[in-house]
C-alpha atoms as a PDB file:
ATOM      1  CA  UNK A   1     -13.107 -11.236 -15.115  1.00  0.00           C
ATOM      2  CA  UNK A   2     -12.563 -10.723 -11.366  1.00  0.00           C
ATOM      3  CA  UNK A   3     -14.102 -12.936  -8.793  1.00  0.00           C
ATOM      4  CA  UNK A   4     -15.923 -10.520  -6.451  1.00  0.00           C
ATOM      5  CA  UNK A   5     -16.390 -13.249  -3.855  1.00  0.00           C
ATOM      6  CA  UNK A   6     -12.707 -14.106  -3.870  1.00  0.00           C
ATOM      7  CA  UNK A   7     -11.747 -10.401  -3.530  1.00  0.00           C
ATOM      8  CA  UNK A   8     -14.115  -9.983  -0.563  1.00  0.00           C
ATOM      9  CA  UNK A   9     -12.547 -13.039   1.156  1.00  0.00           C
ATOM     10  CA  UNK A  10      -9.060 -11.516   0.502  1.00  0.00           C
ATOM     11  CA  UNK A  11     -10.230  -8.158   2.025  1.00  0.00           C
ATOM     12  CA  UNK A  12     -11.472 -10.029   5.125  1.00  0.00           C
ATOM     13  CA  UNK A  13      -8.117 -11.520   5.653  1.00  0.00           C
ATOM     14  CA  UNK A  14      -6.219  -8.354   4.992  1.00  0.00           C
ATOM     15  CA  UNK A  15      -8.409  -6.416   7.392  1.00  0.00           C
ATOM     16  CA  UNK A  16      -7.185  -8.745  10.201  1.00  0.00           C
ATOM     17  CA  UNK A  17      -3.309  -8.087   9.671  1.00  0.00           C
ATOM     18  CA  UNK A  18      -2.291  -6.391  12.877  1.00  0.00           C
ATOM     19  CA  UNK A  19      -0.630  -3.047  12.899  1.00  0.00           C
ATOM     20  CA  UNK A  20       3.069  -3.259  12.471  1.00  0.00           C
ATOM     21  CA  UNK A  21       2.912  -6.701  10.755  1.00  0.00           C
ATOM     22  CA  UNK A  22       2.839  -7.766   7.089  1.00  0.00           C
ATOM     23  CA  UNK A  23       1.832 -10.830   5.195  1.00  0.00           C
ATOM     24  CA  UNK A  24       2.405 -12.114   1.605  1.00  0.00           C
ATOM     25  CA  UNK A  25       0.156 -12.547  -1.372  1.00  0.00           C
ATOM     26  CA  UNK A  26       0.960 -16.353  -1.267  1.00  0.00           C
ATOM     27  CA  UNK A  27       0.151 -16.600   2.399  1.00  0.00           C
ATOM     28  CA  UNK A  28      -3.272 -15.181   1.861  1.00  0.00           C
ATOM     29  CA  UNK A  29      -3.837 -17.390  -1.037  1.00  0.00           C
ATOM     30  CA  UNK A  30      -2.820 -20.367   1.016  1.00  0.00           C
ATOM     31  CA  UNK A  31      -5.056 -19.477   3.881  1.00  0.00           C
ATOM     32  CA  UNK A  32      -7.943 -19.274   1.352  1.00  0.00           C
ATOM     33  CA  UNK A  33      -7.197 -22.676   0.080  1.00  0.00           C
ATOM     34  CA  UNK A  34      -5.992 -21.431  -3.336  1.00  0.00           C
ATOM     35  CA  UNK A  35      -2.246 -21.709  -3.053  1.00  0.00           C
ATOM     36  CA  UNK A  36      -1.703 -20.951  -6.834  1.00  0.00           C
ATOM     37  CA  UNK A  37      -3.566 -17.674  -6.782  1.00  0.00           C
ATOM     38  CA  UNK A  38      -1.076 -15.282  -5.252  1.00  0.00           C
ATOM     39  CA  UNK A  39      -1.274 -13.113  -8.328  1.00  0.00           C
ATOM     40  CA  UNK A  40      -5.066 -12.982  -7.923  1.00  0.00           C
ATOM     41  CA  UNK A  41      -4.540 -11.634  -4.440  1.00  0.00           C
ATOM     42  CA  UNK A  42      -2.272  -8.987  -5.921  1.00  0.00           C
ATOM     43  CA  UNK A  43      -5.180  -8.011  -8.277  1.00  0.00           C
ATOM     44  CA  UNK A  44      -7.426  -7.803  -5.274  1.00  0.00           C
ATOM     45  CA  UNK A  45      -5.002  -5.555  -3.358  1.00  0.00           C
ATOM     46  CA  UNK A  46      -4.799  -3.268  -6.536  1.00  0.00           C
ATOM     47  CA  UNK A  47      -8.651  -3.225  -6.809  1.00  0.00           C
ATOM     48  CA  UNK A  48      -8.958  -2.485  -2.973  1.00  0.00           C
ATOM     49  CA  UNK A  49      -7.864   1.109  -3.589  1.00  0.00           C
ATOM     50  CA  UNK A  50     -11.405   1.521  -4.954  1.00  0.00           C
ATOM     51  CA  UNK A  51     -13.303  -0.272  -2.135  1.00  0.00           C
ATOM     52  CA  UNK A  52     -15.795   1.528  -0.041  1.00  0.00           C
ATOM     53  CA  UNK A  53     -14.038   0.210   3.174  1.00  0.00           C
ATOM     54  CA  UNK A  54     -10.461   0.965   3.847  1.00  0.00           C
ATOM     55  CA  UNK A  55      -8.308  -2.074   3.309  1.00  0.00           C
ATOM     56  CA  UNK A  56      -4.740  -1.949   4.724  1.00  0.00           C
ATOM     57  CA  UNK A  57      -3.211  -3.104   1.300  1.00  0.00           C
ATOM     58  CA  UNK A  58       0.083  -1.701   2.313  1.00  0.00           C
ATOM     59  CA  UNK A  59       0.560  -4.628   4.709  1.00  0.00           C
ATOM     60  CA  UNK A  60       0.760  -7.186   1.851  1.00  0.00           C
ATOM     61  CA  UNK A  61       4.049  -7.715   0.311  1.00  0.00           C
ATOM     62  CA  UNK A  62       5.731 -10.418  -1.780  1.00  0.00           C
ATOM     63  CA  UNK A  63       7.130 -13.536  -0.310  1.00  0.00           C
ATOM     64  CA  UNK A  64      10.655 -11.988   0.114  1.00  0.00           C
ATOM     65  CA  UNK A  65       9.419  -8.862   1.864  1.00  0.00           C
ATOM     66  CA  UNK A  66       9.785  -6.659  -1.245  1.00  0.00           C
ATOM     67  CA  UNK A  67       7.166  -3.824  -1.889  1.00  0.00           C
ATOM     68  CA  UNK A  68       6.128  -5.145  -5.267  1.00  0.00           C
ATOM     69  CA  UNK A  69       2.773  -3.414  -5.029  1.00  0.00           C
ATOM     70  CA  UNK A  70       4.083   0.109  -4.290  1.00  0.00           C
ATOM     71  CA  UNK A  71       3.318   1.444  -7.785  1.00  0.00           C
ATOM     72  CA  UNK A  72      -0.366   0.940  -7.083  1.00  0.00           C
ATOM     73  CA  UNK A  73      -0.335   3.611  -4.406  1.00  0.00           C
ATOM     74  CA  UNK A  74      -0.796   7.339  -4.839  1.00  0.00           C
ATOM     75  CA  UNK A  75       3.049   7.854  -4.946  1.00  0.00           C
ATOM     76  CA  UNK A  76       6.099   5.696  -5.250  1.00  0.00           C
ATOM     77  CA  UNK A  77       7.008   5.924  -1.537  1.00  0.00           C
ATOM     78  CA  UNK A  78       3.457   5.835   0.006  1.00  0.00           C
ATOM     79  CA  UNK A  79       3.478   2.126   0.726  1.00  0.00           C
ATOM     80  CA  UNK A  80       6.827   2.270   2.412  1.00  0.00           C
ATOM     81  CA  UNK A  81       5.834   5.411   4.452  1.00  0.00           C
ATOM     82  CA  UNK A  82       2.732   3.734   5.697  1.00  0.00           C
ATOM     83  CA  UNK A  83       4.727   0.674   6.855  1.00  0.00           C
ATOM     84  CA  UNK A  84       7.521   2.791   8.407  1.00  0.00           C
ATOM     85  CA  UNK A  85       4.833   4.651  10.390  1.00  0.00           C
ATOM     86  CA  UNK A  86       3.974   1.259  11.801  1.00  0.00           C
ATOM     87  CA  UNK A  87       7.539   0.639  12.781  1.00  0.00           C
ATOM     88  CA  UNK A  88       8.690  -1.607   9.897  1.00  0.00           C
ATOM     89  CA  UNK A  89      12.303  -1.182   9.087  1.00  0.00           C
ATOM     90  CA  UNK A  90      13.675  -1.345   5.421  1.00  0.00           C
ATOM     91  CA  UNK A  91      16.869  -2.049   3.411  1.00  0.00           C
ATOM     92  CA  UNK A  92      15.906  -0.379   0.185  1.00  0.00           C
ATOM     93  CA  UNK A  93      12.506  -1.732  -0.890  1.00  0.00           C
ATOM     94  CA  UNK A  94      12.905  -4.923   1.263  1.00  0.00           C
ATOM     95  CA  UNK A  95      11.695  -5.253   4.805  1.00  0.00           C
ATOM     96  CA  UNK A  96      14.811  -5.756   6.896  1.00  0.00           C
ATOM     97  CA  UNK A  97      13.323  -7.899   9.722  1.00  0.00           C
ATOM     98  CA  UNK A  98      10.771  -9.588   7.436  1.00  0.00           C
ATOM     99  CA  UNK A  99      10.785 -12.870   9.471  1.00  0.00           C
ATOM    100  CA  UNK A 100      10.012 -11.034  12.604  1.00  0.00           C
ATOM    101  CA  UNK A 101       7.085  -8.932  11.292  1.00  0.00           C
ATOM    102  CA  UNK A 102       5.691 -11.673   8.974  1.00  0.00           C
ATOM    103  CA  UNK A 103       2.049 -12.524   9.932  1.00  0.00           C
ATOM    104  CA  UNK A 104       0.924 -15.907   8.618  1.00  0.00           C
ATOM    105  CA  UNK A 105      -2.891 -16.133   8.528  1.00  0.00           C
ATOM    106  CA  UNK A 106      -2.808 -19.827   8.465  1.00  0.00           C
ATOM    107  CA  UNK A 107      -1.122 -19.894  11.894  1.00  0.00           C
ATOM    108  CA  UNK A 108      -2.754 -16.889  13.361  1.00  0.00           C
ATOM    109  CA  UNK A 109      -6.314 -17.385  12.333  1.00  0.00           C
ATOM    110  CA  UNK A 110      -6.702 -21.178  12.839  1.00  0.00           C
END
């Protein structure tokens, strides 16, 4: 059973990720005070494709900058294309300058 309130809180954080920046599932979970729930953040991102409001789910990647959620988009390259349109550079499916574009909500929103 999904926690609608948790998903809503995740969406609020994701909506604040600036253009050209990314964060991780774990960073969002940590900000929300639920460090062990990175997977649940992933479920929220998958469900966000059915949300009424547009959620920039493409800006959430794994802790190493890999596009692990790409299969949940309309095509296998959509997530990467969206990020590239924001200036993100890649080596394969990994963000090349991950440390430079990483946005940590715990640091940025406190």
